[in-house]
Amino acid sequence: TGYKVGPQFFRGLKSDALPQLILTV
């Protein structure tokens, strides 16, 4: 599970993905 989503998890830490990250939290 971690292997599949790893790239997108770290991509979520970037500023352009911030709204999606905040909504998820």
mmCIF file of all heavy atoms, coordinates in Angstrom:
data_MODEL
# 
_entry.id   MODEL 
# 
loop_
_atom_site.group_PDB 
_atom_site.id 
_atom_site.type_symbol 
_atom_site.label_atom_id 
_atom_site.label_alt_id 
_atom_site.label_comp_id 
_atom_site.label_asym_id 
_atom_site.label_entity_id 
_atom_site.label_seq_id 
_atom_site.pdbx_PDB_ins_code 
_atom_site.Cartn_x 
_atom_site.Cartn_y 
_atom_site.Cartn_z 
_atom_site.occupancy 
_atom_site.B_iso_or_equiv 
_atom_site.pdbx_formal_charge 
_atom_site.auth_seq_id 
_atom_site.auth_comp_id 
_atom_site.auth_asym_id 
_atom_site.auth_atom_id 
_atom_site.pdbx_PDB_model_num 
ATOM 1   N N   . THR A 1 1  ? 0.839   -1.203 0.000  1.00 0.00 ? 1  THR A N   1 
ATOM 2   C CA  . THR A 1 1  ? 0.000   0.000  0.000  1.00 0.00 ? 1  THR A CA  1 
ATOM 3   C C   . THR A 1 1  ? 0.872   1.251  0.000  1.00 0.00 ? 1  THR A C   1 
ATOM 4   O O   . THR A 1 1  ? 0.643   2.185  -0.775 1.00 0.00 ? 1  THR A O   1 
ATOM 5   C CB  . THR A 1 1  ? -0.924  0.006  1.231  1.00 0.00 ? 1  THR A CB  1 
ATOM 6   O OG1 . THR A 1 1  ? -1.803  -1.116 1.159  1.00 0.00 ? 1  THR A OG1 1 
ATOM 7   C CG2 . THR A 1 1  ? -1.754  1.286  1.277  1.00 0.00 ? 1  THR A CG2 1 
ATOM 8   N N   . GLY A 1 2  ? 1.879   1.277  0.872  1.00 0.00 ? 2  GLY A N   1 
ATOM 9   C CA  . GLY A 1 2  ? 2.804   2.412  0.895  1.00 0.00 ? 2  GLY A CA  1 
ATOM 10  C C   . GLY A 1 2  ? 3.562   2.558  -0.405 1.00 0.00 ? 2  GLY A C   1 
ATOM 11  O O   . GLY A 1 2  ? 3.757   3.668  -0.915 1.00 0.00 ? 2  GLY A O   1 
ATOM 12  N N   . TYR A 1 3  ? 3.981   1.432  -0.981 1.00 0.00 ? 3  TYR A N   1 
ATOM 13  C CA  . TYR A 1 3  ? 4.721   1.437  -2.249 1.00 0.00 ? 3  TYR A CA  1 
ATOM 14  C C   . TYR A 1 3  ? 3.891   2.078  -3.362 1.00 0.00 ? 3  TYR A C   1 
ATOM 15  O O   . TYR A 1 3  ? 4.397   2.862  -4.169 1.00 0.00 ? 3  TYR A O   1 
ATOM 16  C CB  . TYR A 1 3  ? 5.084   -0.006 -2.607 1.00 0.00 ? 3  TYR A CB  1 
ATOM 17  C CG  . TYR A 1 3  ? 5.718   -0.200 -3.960 1.00 0.00 ? 3  TYR A CG  1 
ATOM 18  C CD1 . TYR A 1 3  ? 7.091   -0.092 -4.129 1.00 0.00 ? 3  TYR A CD1 1 
ATOM 19  C CD2 . TYR A 1 3  ? 4.937   -0.523 -5.071 1.00 0.00 ? 3  TYR A CD2 1 
ATOM 20  C CE1 . TYR A 1 3  ? 7.667   -0.295 -5.373 1.00 0.00 ? 3  TYR A CE1 1 
ATOM 21  C CE2 . TYR A 1 3  ? 5.511   -0.723 -6.312 1.00 0.00 ? 3  TYR A CE2 1 
ATOM 22  C CZ  . TYR A 1 3  ? 6.880   -0.608 -6.459 1.00 0.00 ? 3  TYR A CZ  1 
ATOM 23  O OH  . TYR A 1 3  ? 7.448   -0.800 -7.695 1.00 0.00 ? 3  TYR A OH  1 
ATOM 24  N N   . LYS A 1 4  ? 2.602   1.762  -3.401 1.00 0.00 ? 4  LYS A N   1 
ATOM 25  C CA  . LYS A 1 4  ? 1.737   2.285  -4.467 1.00 0.00 ? 4  LYS A CA  1 
ATOM 26  C C   . LYS A 1 4  ? 1.514   3.789  -4.348 1.00 0.00 ? 4  LYS A C   1 
ATOM 27  O O   . LYS A 1 4  ? 1.478   4.495  -5.355 1.00 0.00 ? 4  LYS A O   1 
ATOM 28  C CB  . LYS A 1 4  ? 0.380   1.572  -4.436 1.00 0.00 ? 4  LYS A CB  1 
ATOM 29  C CG  . LYS A 1 4  ? 0.392   0.131  -4.864 1.00 0.00 ? 4  LYS A CG  1 
ATOM 30  C CD  . LYS A 1 4  ? -1.018  -0.370 -5.138 1.00 0.00 ? 4  LYS A CD  1 
ATOM 31  C CE  . LYS A 1 4  ? -1.927  -0.130 -3.965 1.00 0.00 ? 4  LYS A CE  1 
ATOM 32  N NZ  . LYS A 1 4  ? -3.311  -0.597 -4.223 1.00 0.00 ? 4  LYS A NZ  1 
ATOM 33  N N   . VAL A 1 5  ? 1.337   4.263  -3.123 1.00 0.00 ? 5  VAL A N   1 
ATOM 34  C CA  . VAL A 1 5  ? 0.944   5.667  -2.939 1.00 0.00 ? 5  VAL A CA  1 
ATOM 35  C C   . VAL A 1 5  ? 2.102   6.573  -2.550 1.00 0.00 ? 5  VAL A C   1 
ATOM 36  O O   . VAL A 1 5  ? 1.918   7.787  -2.431 1.00 0.00 ? 5  VAL A O   1 
ATOM 37  C CB  . VAL A 1 5  ? -0.176  5.784  -1.878 1.00 0.00 ? 5  VAL A CB  1 
ATOM 38  C CG1 . VAL A 1 5  ? -1.359  4.919  -2.250 1.00 0.00 ? 5  VAL A CG1 1 
ATOM 39  C CG2 . VAL A 1 5  ? 0.337   5.425  -0.484 1.00 0.00 ? 5  VAL A CG2 1 
ATOM 40  N N   . GLY A 1 6  ? 3.305   5.996  -2.386 1.00 0.00 ? 6  GLY A N   1 
ATOM 41  C CA  . GLY A 1 6  ? 4.448   6.789  -1.927 1.00 0.00 ? 6  GLY A CA  1 
ATOM 42  C C   . GLY A 1 6  ? 4.718   8.053  -2.720 1.00 0.00 ? 6  GLY A C   1 
ATOM 43  O O   . GLY A 1 6  ? 4.824   9.145  -2.148 1.00 0.00 ? 6  GLY A O   1 
ATOM 44  N N   . PRO A 1 7  ? 4.805   7.969  -4.061 1.00 0.00 ? 7  PRO A N   1 
ATOM 45  C CA  . PRO A 1 7  ? 5.078   9.190  -4.835 1.00 0.00 ? 7  PRO A CA  1 
ATOM 46  C C   . PRO A 1 7  ? 4.029   10.269 -4.622 1.00 0.00 ? 7  PRO A C   1 
ATOM 47  O O   . PRO A 1 7  ? 4.356   11.458 -4.503 1.00 0.00 ? 7  PRO A O   1 
ATOM 48  C CB  . PRO A 1 7  ? 5.087   8.685  -6.284 1.00 0.00 ? 7  PRO A CB  1 
ATOM 49  C CG  . PRO A 1 7  ? 5.417   7.232  -6.193 1.00 0.00 ? 7  PRO A CG  1 
ATOM 50  C CD  . PRO A 1 7  ? 4.799   6.770  -4.910 1.00 0.00 ? 7  PRO A CD  1 
ATOM 51  N N   . GLN A 1 8  ? 2.755   9.878  -4.554 1.00 0.00 ? 8  GLN A N   1 
ATOM 52  C CA  . GLN A 1 8  ? 1.693   10.870 -4.381 1.00 0.00 ? 8  GLN A CA  1 
ATOM 53  C C   . GLN A 1 8  ? 1.631   11.403 -2.956 1.00 0.00 ? 8  GLN A C   1 
ATOM 54  O O   . GLN A 1 8  ? 1.228   12.548 -2.739 1.00 0.00 ? 8  GLN A O   1 
ATOM 55  C CB  . GLN A 1 8  ? 0.342   10.261 -4.770 1.00 0.00 ? 8  GLN A CB  1 
ATOM 56  C CG  . GLN A 1 8  ? 0.213   9.979  -6.253 1.00 0.00 ? 8  GLN A CG  1 
ATOM 57  C CD  . GLN A 1 8  ? 0.635   11.168 -7.091 1.00 0.00 ? 8  GLN A CD  1 
ATOM 58  O OE1 . GLN A 1 8  ? 0.124   12.266 -6.932 1.00 0.00 ? 8  GLN A OE1 1 
ATOM 59  N NE2 . GLN A 1 8  ? 1.600   10.979 -7.980 1.00 0.00 ? 8  GLN A NE2 1 
ATOM 60  N N   . PHE A 1 9  ? 2.034   10.585 -1.979 1.00 0.00 ? 9  PHE A N   1 
ATOM 61  C CA  . PHE A 1 9  ? 2.070   11.065 -0.595 1.00 0.00 ? 9  PHE A CA  1 
ATOM 62  C C   . PHE A 1 9  ? 3.062   12.210 -0.466 1.00 0.00 ? 9  PHE A C   1 
ATOM 63  O O   . PHE A 1 9  ? 2.755   13.257 0.107  1.00 0.00 ? 9  PHE A O   1 
ATOM 64  C CB  . PHE A 1 9  ? 2.458   9.929  0.349  1.00 0.00 ? 9  PHE A CB  1 
ATOM 65  C CG  . PHE A 1 9  ? 2.571   10.362 1.783  1.00 0.00 ? 9  PHE A CG  1 
ATOM 66  C CD1 . PHE A 1 9  ? 1.452   10.494 2.570  1.00 0.00 ? 9  PHE A CD1 1 
ATOM 67  C CD2 . PHE A 1 9  ? 3.812   10.657 2.333  1.00 0.00 ? 9  PHE A CD2 1 
ATOM 68  C CE1 . PHE A 1 9  ? 1.550   10.910 3.899  1.00 0.00 ? 9  PHE A CE1 1 
ATOM 69  C CE2 . PHE A 1 9  ? 3.928   11.071 3.648  1.00 0.00 ? 9  PHE A CE2 1 
ATOM 70  C CZ  . PHE A 1 9  ? 2.794   11.193 4.434  1.00 0.00 ? 9  PHE A CZ  1 
ATOM 71  N N   . PHE A 1 10 ? 4.253   12.041 -1.011 1.00 0.00 ? 10 PHE A N   1 
ATOM 72  C CA  . PHE A 1 10 ? 5.265   13.097 -0.912 1.00 0.00 ? 10 PHE A CA  1 
ATOM 73  C C   . PHE A 1 10 ? 4.933   14.264 -1.833 1.00 0.00 ? 10 PHE A C   1 
ATOM 74  O O   . PHE A 1 10 ? 5.279   15.407 -1.533 1.00 0.00 ? 10 PHE A O   1 
ATOM 75  C CB  . PHE A 1 10 ? 6.657   12.530 -1.220 1.00 0.00 ? 10 PHE A CB  1 
ATOM 76  C CG  . PHE A 1 10 ? 7.174   11.643 -0.126 1.00 0.00 ? 10 PHE A CG  1 
ATOM 77  C CD1 . PHE A 1 10 ? 7.151   10.270 -0.244 1.00 0.00 ? 10 PHE A CD1 1 
ATOM 78  C CD2 . PHE A 1 10 ? 7.658   12.190 1.056  1.00 0.00 ? 10 PHE A CD2 1 
ATOM 79  C CE1 . PHE A 1 10 ? 7.609   9.452  0.777  1.00 0.00 ? 10 PHE A CE1 1 
ATOM 80  C CE2 . PHE A 1 10 ? 8.123   11.389 2.086  1.00 0.00 ? 10 PHE A CE2 1 
ATOM 81  C CZ  . PHE A 1 10 ? 8.095   10.011 1.942  1.00 0.00 ? 10 PHE A CZ  1 
ATOM 82  N N   . ARG A 1 11 ? 4.226   13.976 -2.938 1.00 0.00 ? 11 ARG A N   1 
ATOM 83  C CA  . ARG A 1 11 ? 3.789   15.069 -3.790 1.00 0.00 ? 11 ARG A CA  1 
ATOM 84  C C   . ARG A 1 11 ? 2.764   15.940 -3.053 1.00 0.00 ? 11 ARG A C   1 
ATOM 85  O O   . ARG A 1 11 ? 2.671   17.140 -3.263 1.00 0.00 ? 11 ARG A O   1 
ATOM 86  C CB  . ARG A 1 11 ? 3.151   14.502 -5.062 1.00 0.00 ? 11 ARG A CB  1 
ATOM 87  C CG  . ARG A 1 11 ? 2.907   15.609 -6.099 1.00 0.00 ? 11 ARG A CG  1 
ATOM 88  C CD  . ARG A 1 11 ? 1.636   15.418 -6.859 1.00 0.00 ? 11 ARG A CD  1 
ATOM 89  N NE  . ARG A 1 11 ? 1.314   16.507 -7.746 1.00 0.00 ? 11 ARG A NE  1 
ATOM 90  C CZ  . ARG A 1 11 ? 0.837   17.677 -7.366 1.00 0.00 ? 11 ARG A CZ  1 
ATOM 91  N NH1 . ARG A 1 11 ? 0.687   17.950 -6.091 1.00 0.00 ? 11 ARG A NH1 1 
ATOM 92  N NH2 . ARG A 1 11 ? 0.523   18.607 -8.231 1.00 0.00 ? 11 ARG A NH2 1 
ATOM 93  N N   . GLY A 1 12 ? 1.978   15.313 -2.156 1.00 0.00 ? 12 GLY A N   1 
ATOM 94  C CA  . GLY A 1 12 ? 0.984   16.052 -1.391 1.00 0.00 ? 12 GLY A CA  1 
ATOM 95  C C   . GLY A 1 12 ? 1.582   17.066 -0.436 1.00 0.00 ? 12 GLY A C   1 
ATOM 96  O O   . GLY A 1 12 ? 0.880   17.950 0.067  1.00 0.00 ? 12 GLY A O   1 
ATOM 97  N N   . LEU A 1 13 ? 2.887   16.950 -0.180 1.00 0.00 ? 13 LEU A N   1 
ATOM 98  C CA  . LEU A 1 13 ? 3.560   17.896 0.706  1.00 0.00 ? 13 LEU A CA  1 
ATOM 99  C C   . LEU A 1 13 ? 3.979   19.158 -0.033 1.00 0.00 ? 13 LEU A C   1 
ATOM 100 O O   . LEU A 1 13 ? 4.478   20.095 0.595  1.00 0.00 ? 13 LEU A O   1 
ATOM 101 C CB  . LEU A 1 13 ? 4.776   17.224 1.350  1.00 0.00 ? 13 LEU A CB  1 
ATOM 102 C CG  . LEU A 1 13 ? 4.488   15.915 2.120  1.00 0.00 ? 13 LEU A CG  1 
ATOM 103 C CD1 . LEU A 1 13 ? 5.768   15.351 2.707  1.00 0.00 ? 13 LEU A CD1 1 
ATOM 104 C CD2 . LEU A 1 13 ? 3.448   16.156 3.212  1.00 0.00 ? 13 LEU A CD2 1 
ATOM 105 N N   . LYS A 1 14 ? 3.807   19.189 -1.355 1.00 0.00 ? 14 LYS A N   1 
ATOM 106 C CA  . LYS A 1 14 ? 4.181   20.368 -2.127 1.00 0.00 ? 14 LYS A CA  1 
ATOM 107 C C   . LYS A 1 14 ? 3.071   21.418 -2.059 1.00 0.00 ? 14 LYS A C   1 
ATOM 108 O O   . LYS A 1 14 ? 1.912   21.114 -1.802 1.00 0.00 ? 14 LYS A O   1 
ATOM 109 C CB  . LYS A 1 14 ? 4.440   19.986 -3.587 1.00 0.00 ? 14 LYS A CB  1 
ATOM 110 C CG  . LYS A 1 14 ? 5.660   19.076 -3.763 1.00 0.00 ? 14 LYS A CG  1 
ATOM 111 C CD  . LYS A 1 14 ? 5.896   18.768 -5.227 1.00 0.00 ? 14 LYS A CD  1 
ATOM 112 C CE  . LYS A 1 14 ? 7.134   17.913 -5.427 1.00 0.00 ? 14 LYS A CE  1 
ATOM 113 N NZ  . LYS A 1 14 ? 7.379   17.603 -6.861 1.00 0.00 ? 14 LYS A NZ  1 
ATOM 114 N N   . SER A 1 15 ? 3.445   22.655 -2.328 1.00 0.00 ? 15 SER A N   1 
ATOM 115 C CA  . SER A 1 15 ? 2.515   23.773 -2.141 1.00 0.00 ? 15 SER A CA  1 
ATOM 116 C C   . SER A 1 15 ? 1.316   23.706 -3.077 1.00 0.00 ? 15 SER A C   1 
ATOM 117 O O   . SER A 1 15 ? 0.202   24.082 -2.698 1.00 0.00 ? 15 SER A O   1 
ATOM 118 C CB  . SER A 1 15 ? 3.247   25.105 -2.346 1.00 0.00 ? 15 SER A CB  1 
ATOM 119 O OG  . SER A 1 15 ? 3.820   25.166 -3.648 1.00 0.00 ? 15 SER A OG  1 
ATOM 120 N N   . ASP A 1 16 ? 1.491   23.230 -4.324 1.00 0.00 ? 16 ASP A N   1 
ATOM 121 C CA  . ASP A 1 16 ? 0.372   23.235 -5.256 1.00 0.00 ? 16 ASP A CA  1 
ATOM 122 C C   . ASP A 1 16 ? -0.679  22.192 -4.905 1.00 0.00 ? 16 ASP A C   1 
ATOM 123 O O   . ASP A 1 16 ? -1.802  22.232 -5.418 1.00 0.00 ? 16 ASP A O   1 
ATOM 124 C CB  . ASP A 1 16 ? 0.861   23.046 -6.704 1.00 0.00 ? 16 ASP A CB  1 
ATOM 125 C CG  . ASP A 1 16 ? 1.576   21.720 -6.914 1.00 0.00 ? 16 ASP A CG  1 
ATOM 126 O OD1 . ASP A 1 16 ? 2.052   21.151 -5.915 1.00 0.00 ? 16 ASP A OD1 1 
ATOM 127 O OD2 . ASP A 1 16 ? 1.655   21.272 -8.064 1.00 0.00 ? 16 ASP A OD2 1 
ATOM 128 N N   . ALA A 1 17 ? -0.318  21.237 -4.042 1.00 0.00 ? 17 ALA A N   1 
ATOM 129 C CA  . ALA A 1 17 ? -1.288  20.234 -3.599 1.00 0.00 ? 17 ALA A CA  1 
ATOM 130 C C   . ALA A 1 17 ? -1.836  20.563 -2.210 1.00 0.00 ? 17 ALA A C   1 
ATOM 131 O O   . ALA A 1 17 ? -2.549  19.748 -1.621 1.00 0.00 ? 17 ALA A O   1 
ATOM 132 C CB  . ALA A 1 17 ? -0.639  18.853 -3.585 1.00 0.00 ? 17 ALA A CB  1 
ATOM 133 N N   . LEU A 1 18 ? -1.524  21.763 -1.710 1.00 0.00 ? 18 LEU A N   1 
ATOM 134 C CA  . LEU A 1 18 ? -1.903  22.125 -0.340 1.00 0.00 ? 18 LEU A CA  1 
ATOM 135 C C   . LEU A 1 18 ? -3.410  22.072 -0.099 1.00 0.00 ? 18 LEU A C   1 
ATOM 136 O O   . LEU A 1 18 ? -3.848  21.546 0.935  1.00 0.00 ? 18 LEU A O   1 
ATOM 137 C CB  . LEU A 1 18 ? -1.347  23.507 0.001  1.00 0.00 ? 18 LEU A CB  1 
ATOM 138 C CG  . LEU A 1 18 ? -1.486  23.949 1.460  1.00 0.00 ? 18 LEU A CG  1 
ATOM 139 C CD1 . LEU A 1 18 ? -0.781  22.973 2.381  1.00 0.00 ? 18 LEU A CD1 1 
ATOM 140 C CD2 . LEU A 1 18 ? -0.922  25.364 1.640  1.00 0.00 ? 18 LEU A CD2 1 
ATOM 141 N N   . PRO A 1 19 ? -4.262  22.593 -0.999 1.00 0.00 ? 19 PRO A N   1 
ATOM 142 C CA  . PRO A 1 19 ? -5.710  22.511 -0.742 1.00 0.00 ? 19 PRO A CA  1 
ATOM 143 C C   . PRO A 1 19 ? -6.198  21.072 -0.577 1.00 0.00 ? 19 PRO A C   1 
ATOM 144 O O   . PRO A 1 19 ? -7.012  20.783 0.314  1.00 0.00 ? 19 PRO A O   1 
ATOM 145 C CB  . PRO A 1 19 ? -6.330  23.182 -1.971 1.00 0.00 ? 19 PRO A CB  1 
ATOM 146 C CG  . PRO A 1 19 ? -5.267  24.095 -2.479 1.00 0.00 ? 19 PRO A CG  1 
ATOM 147 C CD  . PRO A 1 19 ? -3.981  23.380 -2.221 1.00 0.00 ? 19 PRO A CD  1 
ATOM 148 N N   . GLN A 1 20 ? -5.718  20.168 -1.437 1.00 0.00 ? 20 GLN A N   1 
ATOM 149 C CA  . GLN A 1 20 ? -6.124  18.768 -1.319 1.00 0.00 ? 20 GLN A CA  1 
ATOM 150 C C   . GLN A 1 20 ? -5.615  18.168 -0.014 1.00 0.00 ? 20 GLN A C   1 
ATOM 151 O O   . GLN A 1 20 ? -6.312  17.361 0.626  1.00 0.00 ? 20 GLN A O   1 
ATOM 152 C CB  . GLN A 1 20 ? -5.601  17.970 -2.511 1.00 0.00 ? 20 GLN A CB  1 
ATOM 153 C CG  . GLN A 1 20 ? -6.205  18.387 -3.842 1.00 0.00 ? 20 GLN A CG  1 
ATOM 154 C CD  . GLN A 1 20 ? -5.687  17.566 -5.000 1.00 0.00 ? 20 GLN A CD  1 
ATOM 155 O OE1 . GLN A 1 20 ? -5.265  16.426 -4.835 1.00 0.00 ? 20 GLN A OE1 1 
ATOM 156 N NE2 . GLN A 1 20 ? -5.716  18.134 -6.199 1.00 0.00 ? 20 GLN A NE2 1 
ATOM 157 N N   . LEU A 1 21 ? -4.413  18.537 0.390  1.00 0.00 ? 21 LEU A N   1 
ATOM 158 C CA  . LEU A 1 21 ? -3.844  18.034 1.645  1.00 0.00 ? 21 LEU A CA  1 
ATOM 159 C C   . LEU A 1 21 ? -4.670  18.521 2.834  1.00 0.00 ? 21 LEU A C   1 
ATOM 160 O O   . LEU A 1 21 ? -4.992  17.742 3.744  1.00 0.00 ? 21 LEU A O   1 
ATOM 161 C CB  . LEU A 1 21 ? -2.386  18.488 1.773  1.00 0.00 ? 21 LEU A CB  1 
ATOM 162 C CG  . LEU A 1 21 ? -1.655  18.073 3.046  1.00 0.00 ? 21 LEU A CG  1 
ATOM 163 C CD1 . LEU A 1 21 ? -1.565  16.556 3.147  1.00 0.00 ? 21 LEU A CD1 1 
ATOM 164 C CD2 . LEU A 1 21 ? -0.250  18.679 3.076  1.00 0.00 ? 21 LEU A CD2 1 
ATOM 165 N N   . ILE A 1 22 ? -5.021  19.815 2.841  1.00 0.00 ? 22 ILE A N   1 
ATOM 166 C CA  . ILE A 1 22 ? -5.811  20.376 3.944  1.00 0.00 ? 22 ILE A CA  1 
ATOM 167 C C   . ILE A 1 22 ? -7.185  19.701 4.012  1.00 0.00 ? 22 ILE A C   1 
ATOM 168 O O   . ILE A 1 22 ? -7.653  19.323 5.094  1.00 0.00 ? 22 ILE A O   1 
ATOM 169 C CB  . ILE A 1 22 ? -5.967  21.899 3.773  1.00 0.00 ? 22 ILE A CB  1 
ATOM 170 C CG1 . ILE A 1 22 ? -4.612  22.595 3.917  1.00 0.00 ? 22 ILE A CG1 1 
ATOM 171 C CG2 . ILE A 1 22 ? -6.956  22.457 4.791  1.00 0.00 ? 22 ILE A CG2 1 
ATOM 172 C CD1 . ILE A 1 22 ? -4.649  24.070 3.601  1.00 0.00 ? 22 ILE A CD1 1 
ATOM 173 N N   . LEU A 1 23 ? -7.823  19.521 2.865  1.00 0.00 ? 23 LEU A N   1 
ATOM 174 C CA  . LEU A 1 23 ? -9.133  18.873 2.832  1.00 0.00 ? 23 LEU A CA  1 
ATOM 175 C C   . LEU A 1 23 ? -9.042  17.446 3.377  1.00 0.00 ? 23 LEU A C   1 
ATOM 176 O O   . LEU A 1 23 ? -9.911  17.001 4.145  1.00 0.00 ? 23 LEU A O   1 
ATOM 177 C CB  . LEU A 1 23 ? -9.671  18.859 1.404  1.00 0.00 ? 23 LEU A CB  1 
ATOM 178 C CG  . LEU A 1 23 ? -11.008 18.136 1.179  1.00 0.00 ? 23 LEU A CG  1 
ATOM 179 C CD1 . LEU A 1 23 ? -12.095 18.742 2.042  1.00 0.00 ? 23 LEU A CD1 1 
ATOM 180 C CD2 . LEU A 1 23 ? -11.397 18.170 -0.288 1.00 0.00 ? 23 LEU A CD2 1 
ATOM 181 N N   . THR A 1 24 ? -7.994  16.732 3.010  1.00 0.00 ? 24 THR A N   1 
ATOM 182 C CA  . THR A 1 24 ? -7.813  15.356 3.488  1.00 0.00 ? 24 THR A CA  1 
ATOM 183 C C   . THR A 1 24 ? -7.653  15.313 4.999  1.00 0.00 ? 24 THR A C   1 
ATOM 184 O O   . THR A 1 24 ? -8.249  14.472 5.680  1.00 0.00 ? 24 THR A O   1 
ATOM 185 C CB  . THR A 1 24 ? -6.590  14.718 2.811  1.00 0.00 ? 24 THR A CB  1 
ATOM 186 O OG1 . THR A 1 24 ? -6.737  14.786 1.395  1.00 0.00 ? 24 THR A OG1 1 
ATOM 187 C CG2 . THR A 1 24 ? -6.434  13.262 3.229  1.00 0.00 ? 24 THR A CG2 1 
ATOM 188 N N   . VAL A 1 25 ? -6.855  16.225 5.526  1.00 0.00 ? 25 VAL A N   1 
ATOM 189 C CA  . VAL A 1 25 ? -6.650  16.267 6.979  1.00 0.00 ? 25 VAL A CA  1 
ATOM 190 C C   . VAL A 1 25 ? -7.973  16.568 7.687  1.00 0.00 ? 25 VAL A C   1 
ATOM 191 O O   . VAL A 1 25 ? -8.296  15.954 8.715  1.00 0.00 ? 25 VAL A O   1 
ATOM 192 C CB  . VAL A 1 25 ? -5.581  17.313 7.342  1.00 0.00 ? 25 VAL A CB  1 
ATOM 193 C CG1 . VAL A 1 25 ? -5.507  17.510 8.856  1.00 0.00 ? 25 VAL A CG1 1 
ATOM 194 C CG2 . VAL A 1 25 ? -4.213  16.892 6.810  1.00 0.00 ? 25 VAL A CG2 1 
# 
